[in-house]
Amino acid sequence: NKKERRQESFRVNFDSAEQWDTILSLSREKAVYIFKHSSRCGISSVVLSRFEKQVKERNETYFHLHIQGNRFLSNQIAEELQIRHESPQLIVLKDDKVLASGSHYDLLDIVPSL
């Protein structure tokens, strides 16, 4: 499917602590975008679609964490970064630190501001 291939070029799914460690390491080289998505939330699906357009326009890659089935990892990330778990949520990391964070429709203001 052409749409799925296009998505794969800018979206990286992750679901393990090892991948989280890799993302933290990558943040020491450049800003990284993490989108926490809940398929049970209608707002999350709408915001994800709009966010993906923003990321694609900037030729960026983002890391996608699906909350269902990964709640433990989502909570671990929130605890390590000392931020509240929300969904949908965008977290931008640079040098292991939160550069920006937002939830629901507010997160759509983050990408254009960076």
Protein backbone atom coordinates (compact mmCIF):
# COMPACT_ATOMS: atom_id res chain seq x y z
CA ASN A 1 0.00 0.00 0.00
CA LYS A 2 1.48 3.33 -1.09
CA LYS A 3 0.09 5.26 1.90
CA GLU A 4 1.64 2.81 4.38
CA ARG A 5 5.05 3.06 2.69
CA ARG A 6 4.85 6.85 2.84
CA GLN A 7 4.02 6.69 6.55
CA GLU A 8 6.97 4.42 7.25
CA SER A 9 9.35 7.05 5.93
CA PHE A 10 8.59 9.47 8.76
CA ARG A 11 7.01 7.30 11.47
CA VAL A 12 8.91 4.85 13.67
CA ASN A 13 6.82 2.69 15.99
CA PHE A 14 8.40 1.79 19.29
CA ASP A 15 7.34 -0.44 22.15
CA SER A 16 10.38 -1.42 24.22
CA ALA A 17 12.69 -0.02 26.86
CA GLU A 18 15.64 -0.74 24.55
CA GLN A 19 14.12 1.43 21.83
CA TRP A 20 13.48 4.13 24.43
CA ASP A 21 17.19 4.08 25.33
CA THR A 22 18.04 4.46 21.63
CA ILE A 23 15.68 7.44 21.35
CA LEU A 24 17.33 9.08 24.34
CA SER A 25 20.75 8.56 22.72
CA LEU A 26 19.48 10.06 19.47
CA SER A 27 18.27 13.13 21.38
CA ARG A 28 21.93 13.91 22.12
CA GLU A 29 22.42 14.44 18.36
CA LYS A 30 19.18 16.21 17.42
CA ALA A 31 15.68 17.01 18.65
CA VAL A 32 13.40 13.96 18.59
CA TYR A 33 9.62 13.89 18.47
CA ILE A 34 7.62 11.30 20.42
CA PHE A 35 3.89 11.00 19.86
CA LYS A 36 1.91 9.00 22.42
CA HIS A 37 -1.33 7.83 20.80
CA SER A 38 -4.47 6.19 22.14
CA SER A 39 -6.67 4.43 19.62
CA ARG A 40 -9.51 4.69 22.15
CA CYS A 41 -9.55 8.48 21.93
CA GLY A 42 -11.18 10.18 18.96
CA ILE A 43 -9.23 13.39 19.59
CA SER A 44 -5.98 11.43 19.49
CA SER A 45 -6.72 10.12 15.99
CA VAL A 46 -7.63 13.59 14.67
CA VAL A 47 -4.56 15.20 16.24
CA LEU A 48 -2.28 12.40 15.01
CA SER A 49 -3.40 12.98 11.44
CA ARG A 50 -2.74 16.73 11.68
CA PHE A 51 0.57 16.19 13.46
CA GLU A 52 1.75 13.77 10.76
CA LYS A 53 1.11 16.44 8.12
CA GLN A 54 3.25 18.91 10.09
CA VAL A 55 6.09 16.42 10.50
CA LYS A 56 5.97 15.39 6.87
CA GLU A 57 6.11 19.04 5.71
CA ARG A 58 9.26 19.53 7.79
CA ASN A 59 10.80 16.29 6.54
CA GLU A 60 11.15 15.04 10.12
CA THR A 61 10.80 11.59 11.62
CA TYR A 62 8.85 10.90 14.77
CA PHE A 63 8.56 8.02 17.21
CA HIS A 64 5.07 6.64 17.71
CA LEU A 65 4.10 4.98 20.98
CA HIS A 66 0.71 3.28 20.94
CA ILE A 67 -0.58 3.48 24.51
CA GLN A 68 -2.70 0.33 24.39
CA GLY A 69 -0.35 -2.49 25.24
CA ASN A 70 2.47 -0.11 26.18
CA ARG A 71 1.10 1.71 29.21
CA PHE A 72 4.01 0.55 31.39
CA LEU A 73 6.52 2.08 28.95
CA SER A 74 4.45 5.25 28.66
CA ASN A 75 4.42 5.61 32.44
CA GLN A 76 8.17 4.90 32.59
CA ILE A 77 8.82 7.69 30.08
CA ALA A 78 6.61 10.12 32.00
CA GLU A 79 8.40 9.26 35.25
CA GLU A 80 11.91 9.54 33.77
CA LEU A 81 11.13 12.87 32.11
CA GLN A 82 9.14 14.12 35.12
CA ILE A 83 6.06 14.98 33.07
CA ARG A 84 2.46 13.90 33.43
CA HIS A 85 1.26 11.05 31.22
CA GLU A 86 -1.34 12.26 28.72
CA SER A 87 -2.76 11.01 25.47
CA PRO A 88 -2.48 12.19 22.86
CA GLN A 89 0.82 13.74 23.84
CA LEU A 90 3.80 15.12 21.98
CA ILE A 91 7.17 15.21 23.68
CA VAL A 92 10.17 16.83 22.02
CA LEU A 93 13.52 15.80 23.49
CA LYS A 94 16.96 17.28 23.06
CA ASP A 95 19.98 16.14 25.09
CA ASP A 96 17.81 13.82 27.23
CA LYS A 97 15.65 16.77 28.32
CA VAL A 98 12.12 17.86 27.44
CA LEU A 99 12.37 20.72 24.98
CA ALA A 100 8.58 20.92 24.60
CA SER A 101 5.53 18.93 25.59
CA GLY A 102 1.83 19.26 24.86
CA SER A 103 -1.39 17.36 24.79
CA HIS A 104 -4.56 17.23 22.74
CA TYR A 105 -4.96 20.06 20.22
CA ASP A 106 -2.32 22.19 22.00
CA LEU A 107 0.42 19.88 20.78
CA LEU A 108 -0.19 21.07 17.22
CA ASP A 109 1.37 24.44 18.19
CA ILE A 110 4.70 22.82 19.12
CA VAL A 111 6.10 21.67 15.76
CA PRO A 112 5.68 25.04 14.01
CA SER A 113 7.35 26.80 16.95
CA LEU A 114 10.56 24.72 16.78
